[in-house]
N, C-alpha and C. Protein backbone atom coordinates (compact mmCIF):
# COMPACT_ATOMS: atom_id res chain seq x y z
N MET A 1 33.15 167.08 183.87
CA MET A 1 33.86 168.09 182.94
C MET A 1 32.78 168.38 181.84
N SER A 2 32.47 169.65 181.66
CA SER A 2 31.58 170.01 180.47
C SER A 2 32.44 170.00 179.25
N ARG A 3 31.52 170.08 178.25
CA ARG A 3 32.10 170.06 176.83
C ARG A 3 32.93 171.27 176.63
N GLY A 4 32.54 172.41 177.14
CA GLY A 4 33.39 173.68 177.05
C GLY A 4 34.79 173.47 177.61
N GLU A 5 34.78 172.84 178.80
CA GLU A 5 36.06 172.67 179.56
C GLU A 5 36.96 171.69 178.83
N ALA A 6 36.23 170.78 178.15
CA ALA A 6 37.18 169.75 177.39
C ALA A 6 37.65 170.55 176.28
N GLU A 7 37.08 171.19 175.63
CA GLU A 7 37.55 172.06 174.42
C GLU A 7 38.58 172.93 174.89
N GLU A 8 38.39 173.68 175.96
CA GLU A 8 39.30 174.62 176.38
C GLU A 8 40.53 173.87 176.88
N ALA A 9 40.60 172.67 177.46
CA ALA A 9 41.62 171.93 177.78
C ALA A 9 42.42 171.52 176.55
N ASP A 10 41.58 171.01 175.58
CA ASP A 10 42.31 170.73 174.15
C ASP A 10 43.12 171.73 173.70
N VAL A 11 42.56 173.03 173.59
CA VAL A 11 43.32 174.14 173.09
C VAL A 11 44.58 174.38 174.02
N LEU A 12 44.42 174.50 175.23
CA LEU A 12 45.54 174.73 176.03
C LEU A 12 46.73 173.63 175.81
N HIS A 13 46.35 172.49 175.68
CA HIS A 13 47.37 171.45 175.44
C HIS A 13 48.06 171.59 174.20
N ALA A 14 47.20 172.08 173.05
CA ALA A 14 47.73 172.24 171.82
C ALA A 14 48.72 173.42 171.72
N VAL A 15 48.30 174.51 172.38
CA VAL A 15 49.14 175.88 172.44
C VAL A 15 50.43 175.43 173.12
N ALA A 16 50.34 174.78 174.23
CA ALA A 16 51.51 174.41 175.03
C ALA A 16 52.47 173.61 174.17
N GLY A 17 51.96 172.60 173.43
CA GLY A 17 52.78 171.85 172.62
C GLY A 17 53.38 172.43 171.41
N LEU A 18 52.90 173.53 170.97
CA LEU A 18 53.47 174.32 169.99
C LEU A 18 54.38 175.26 170.31
N LEU A 19 54.52 175.50 171.67
CA LEU A 19 55.46 176.68 172.25
C LEU A 19 56.89 176.22 172.10
N PRO A 20 57.71 176.70 171.22
CA PRO A 20 59.12 176.30 171.18
C PRO A 20 59.71 176.76 172.35
N ALA A 21 60.84 176.12 172.79
CA ALA A 21 61.61 176.31 174.01
C ALA A 21 61.96 177.75 174.19
N GLY A 22 62.30 178.42 173.19
CA GLY A 22 62.87 179.82 173.31
C GLY A 22 61.96 180.77 172.81
N PHE A 23 60.69 180.60 172.70
CA PHE A 23 59.82 181.34 171.89
C PHE A 23 59.54 182.77 172.66
N ALA A 24 60.16 183.93 172.17
CA ALA A 24 60.00 185.11 172.62
C ALA A 24 60.33 185.34 174.17
N LEU A 25 60.89 184.23 174.70
CA LEU A 25 61.29 184.21 176.06
C LEU A 25 62.51 183.45 176.38
N ASP A 26 63.17 183.69 177.27
CA ASP A 26 64.34 182.65 177.52
C ASP A 26 63.76 181.32 177.68
N SER A 27 64.46 180.31 177.69
CA SER A 27 63.88 178.87 177.71
C SER A 27 63.28 178.59 179.02
N ALA A 28 63.84 179.12 180.06
CA ALA A 28 63.26 178.86 181.40
C ALA A 28 62.02 179.41 181.59
N SER A 29 61.70 180.57 181.03
CA SER A 29 60.44 181.23 181.12
C SER A 29 59.48 180.44 180.26
N ALA A 30 59.86 180.21 179.03
CA ALA A 30 58.99 179.51 178.11
C ALA A 30 58.60 178.05 178.69
N GLY A 31 59.58 177.32 179.45
CA GLY A 31 59.13 176.10 180.12
C GLY A 31 58.01 176.43 181.05
N GLN A 32 58.15 177.37 181.84
CA GLN A 32 57.25 177.70 182.90
C GLN A 32 55.92 177.96 182.43
N VAL A 33 55.82 178.81 181.27
CA VAL A 33 54.58 179.17 180.55
C VAL A 33 53.95 177.82 180.05
N ARG A 34 54.69 176.96 179.44
CA ARG A 34 54.15 175.71 179.01
C ARG A 34 53.65 174.81 180.26
N ALA A 35 54.25 174.85 181.42
CA ALA A 35 53.79 174.09 182.48
C ALA A 35 52.45 174.75 182.94
N VAL A 36 52.28 176.25 182.90
CA VAL A 36 51.07 176.67 183.31
C VAL A 36 50.00 176.16 182.35
N LEU A 37 50.17 176.25 181.09
CA LEU A 37 49.17 175.81 180.22
C LEU A 37 48.75 174.28 180.37
N TYR A 38 49.72 173.48 180.49
CA TYR A 38 49.45 172.08 180.70
C TYR A 38 48.78 171.83 182.10
N ALA A 39 49.19 172.47 183.07
CA ALA A 39 48.57 172.23 184.50
C ALA A 39 47.17 172.62 184.38
N THR A 40 46.90 173.79 183.74
CA THR A 40 45.45 174.33 183.80
C THR A 40 44.65 173.34 182.94
N ALA A 41 45.21 172.90 181.69
CA ALA A 41 44.47 171.80 180.95
C ALA A 41 44.05 170.61 181.67
N ASN A 42 45.22 170.23 182.27
CA ASN A 42 44.97 168.92 183.20
C ASN A 42 44.05 169.11 184.26
N GLU A 43 43.97 170.23 184.89
CA GLU A 43 42.97 170.47 185.90
C GLU A 43 41.52 170.44 185.37
N LEU A 44 41.27 171.10 184.10
CA LEU A 44 40.12 171.03 183.48
C LEU A 44 39.62 169.69 183.18
N VAL A 45 40.55 168.82 182.52
CA VAL A 45 40.33 167.57 182.20
C VAL A 45 39.90 166.71 183.38
N ALA A 46 40.54 166.89 184.53
CA ALA A 46 40.24 166.14 185.73
C ALA A 46 38.96 166.55 186.40
N GLY A 47 38.34 167.56 185.91
CA GLY A 47 37.09 168.13 186.50
C GLY A 47 37.17 168.87 187.72
N ARG A 48 38.41 169.39 188.01
CA ARG A 48 38.49 170.18 189.31
C ARG A 48 38.21 171.57 188.99
N GLY A 49 37.61 172.14 190.19
CA GLY A 49 37.35 173.41 189.95
C GLY A 49 38.48 174.44 189.75
N MET A 50 38.35 175.59 189.20
CA MET A 50 39.37 176.50 189.05
C MET A 50 38.74 177.92 189.14
N ALA A 51 39.29 178.94 189.82
CA ALA A 51 38.88 180.19 189.86
C ALA A 51 38.69 180.83 188.42
N PRO A 52 37.53 181.39 188.27
CA PRO A 52 37.22 181.92 186.92
C PRO A 52 38.33 182.93 186.40
N GLU A 53 38.81 183.75 187.39
CA GLU A 53 40.08 184.69 187.12
C GLU A 53 41.23 183.94 186.59
N ILE A 54 41.59 182.94 187.12
CA ILE A 54 42.80 182.16 186.75
C ILE A 54 42.40 181.49 185.46
N ARG A 55 41.31 181.00 185.02
CA ARG A 55 40.89 180.34 183.78
C ARG A 55 40.94 181.50 182.65
N ARG A 56 40.43 182.58 183.17
CA ARG A 56 40.36 183.84 182.19
C ARG A 56 41.83 184.25 181.87
N ALA A 57 42.72 184.29 182.83
CA ALA A 57 43.97 184.81 182.62
C ALA A 57 44.78 183.73 181.68
N VAL A 58 44.63 182.53 181.99
CA VAL A 58 45.33 181.51 181.24
C VAL A 58 44.88 181.32 179.70
N ARG A 59 43.57 181.52 179.68
CA ARG A 59 42.95 181.64 178.42
C ARG A 59 43.45 182.77 177.68
N GLY A 60 43.66 183.97 178.34
CA GLY A 60 44.27 185.15 177.58
C GLY A 60 45.67 184.89 177.08
N LEU A 61 46.37 184.30 178.16
CA LEU A 61 47.67 183.87 177.69
C LEU A 61 47.77 183.04 176.46
N ALA A 62 47.05 181.93 176.47
CA ALA A 62 47.05 181.14 175.39
C ALA A 62 46.50 181.77 173.96
N ASN A 63 45.72 182.58 174.14
CA ASN A 63 45.19 183.37 173.00
C ASN A 63 46.34 184.27 172.39
N ALA A 64 46.92 184.98 173.36
CA ALA A 64 48.13 185.76 172.94
C ALA A 64 49.26 185.06 172.32
N LEU A 65 49.55 183.87 172.95
CA LEU A 65 50.57 183.01 172.28
C LEU A 65 50.20 182.53 170.90
N ARG A 66 48.84 182.07 170.80
CA ARG A 66 48.42 181.56 169.60
C ARG A 66 48.53 182.76 168.53
N ALA A 67 48.15 183.83 168.76
CA ALA A 67 48.13 185.00 167.87
C ALA A 67 49.64 185.29 167.45
N GLN A 68 50.50 185.15 168.36
CA GLN A 68 51.90 185.53 168.08
C GLN A 68 52.56 184.31 167.29
N MET A 69 51.99 183.28 167.34
CA MET A 69 52.61 182.04 166.63
C MET A 69 52.08 181.90 165.36
N ASP A 70 50.80 182.48 165.08
CA ASP A 70 50.16 182.35 163.70
C ASP A 70 51.01 182.97 162.66
N PRO A 71 51.28 181.99 161.63
CA PRO A 71 52.18 182.41 160.49
C PRO A 71 51.65 183.29 159.47
N ARG A 72 50.28 183.52 159.58
CA ARG A 72 49.42 184.35 158.68
C ARG A 72 49.84 185.88 158.84
N PRO A 73 50.02 186.71 157.79
CA PRO A 73 50.38 188.14 158.05
C PRO A 73 49.43 188.78 158.86
N ARG A 74 49.80 189.61 159.65
CA ARG A 74 48.99 190.52 160.55
C ARG A 74 48.53 191.76 159.68
N HIS A 75 47.33 192.15 159.94
CA HIS A 75 46.75 193.36 159.29
C HIS A 75 46.46 194.32 160.25
N ALA A 76 46.69 195.64 160.03
CA ALA A 76 46.43 196.58 160.95
C ALA A 76 44.86 196.63 161.09
N SER A 77 44.29 196.79 162.22
CA SER A 77 43.02 196.98 162.35
C SER A 77 42.60 198.33 161.88
N PRO A 78 41.33 198.43 161.39
CA PRO A 78 40.84 199.69 160.89
C PRO A 78 40.88 200.95 161.69
N THR A 79 40.91 200.61 162.92
CA THR A 79 40.86 201.68 163.94
C THR A 79 42.19 202.14 164.39
N SER A 80 43.13 201.37 163.97
CA SER A 80 44.59 201.74 164.40
C SER A 80 45.08 202.78 163.58
N SER A 81 45.90 203.60 164.09
CA SER A 81 46.49 204.81 163.33
C SER A 81 47.94 204.53 163.09
N SER A 82 48.64 204.92 161.93
CA SER A 82 49.91 204.68 161.69
C SER A 82 50.59 205.97 161.52
């Protein structure tokens, strides 16, 4: 397992651990999202290969969840129109 894979697995574990049971989803869906994040992280830790498209999708999911859980106020981007 590369250092990058280890870091990615750590982030996935952290995001999965922070995801509350009913976060923006019903509890069953939130549980399945947690399961996907943990399973992907565990595969990376075990050094097993994973299709790049799947890793990219799971990383995108984790990033979106992390952004949604971030308690800091969101600012409109300079390119967005109101």
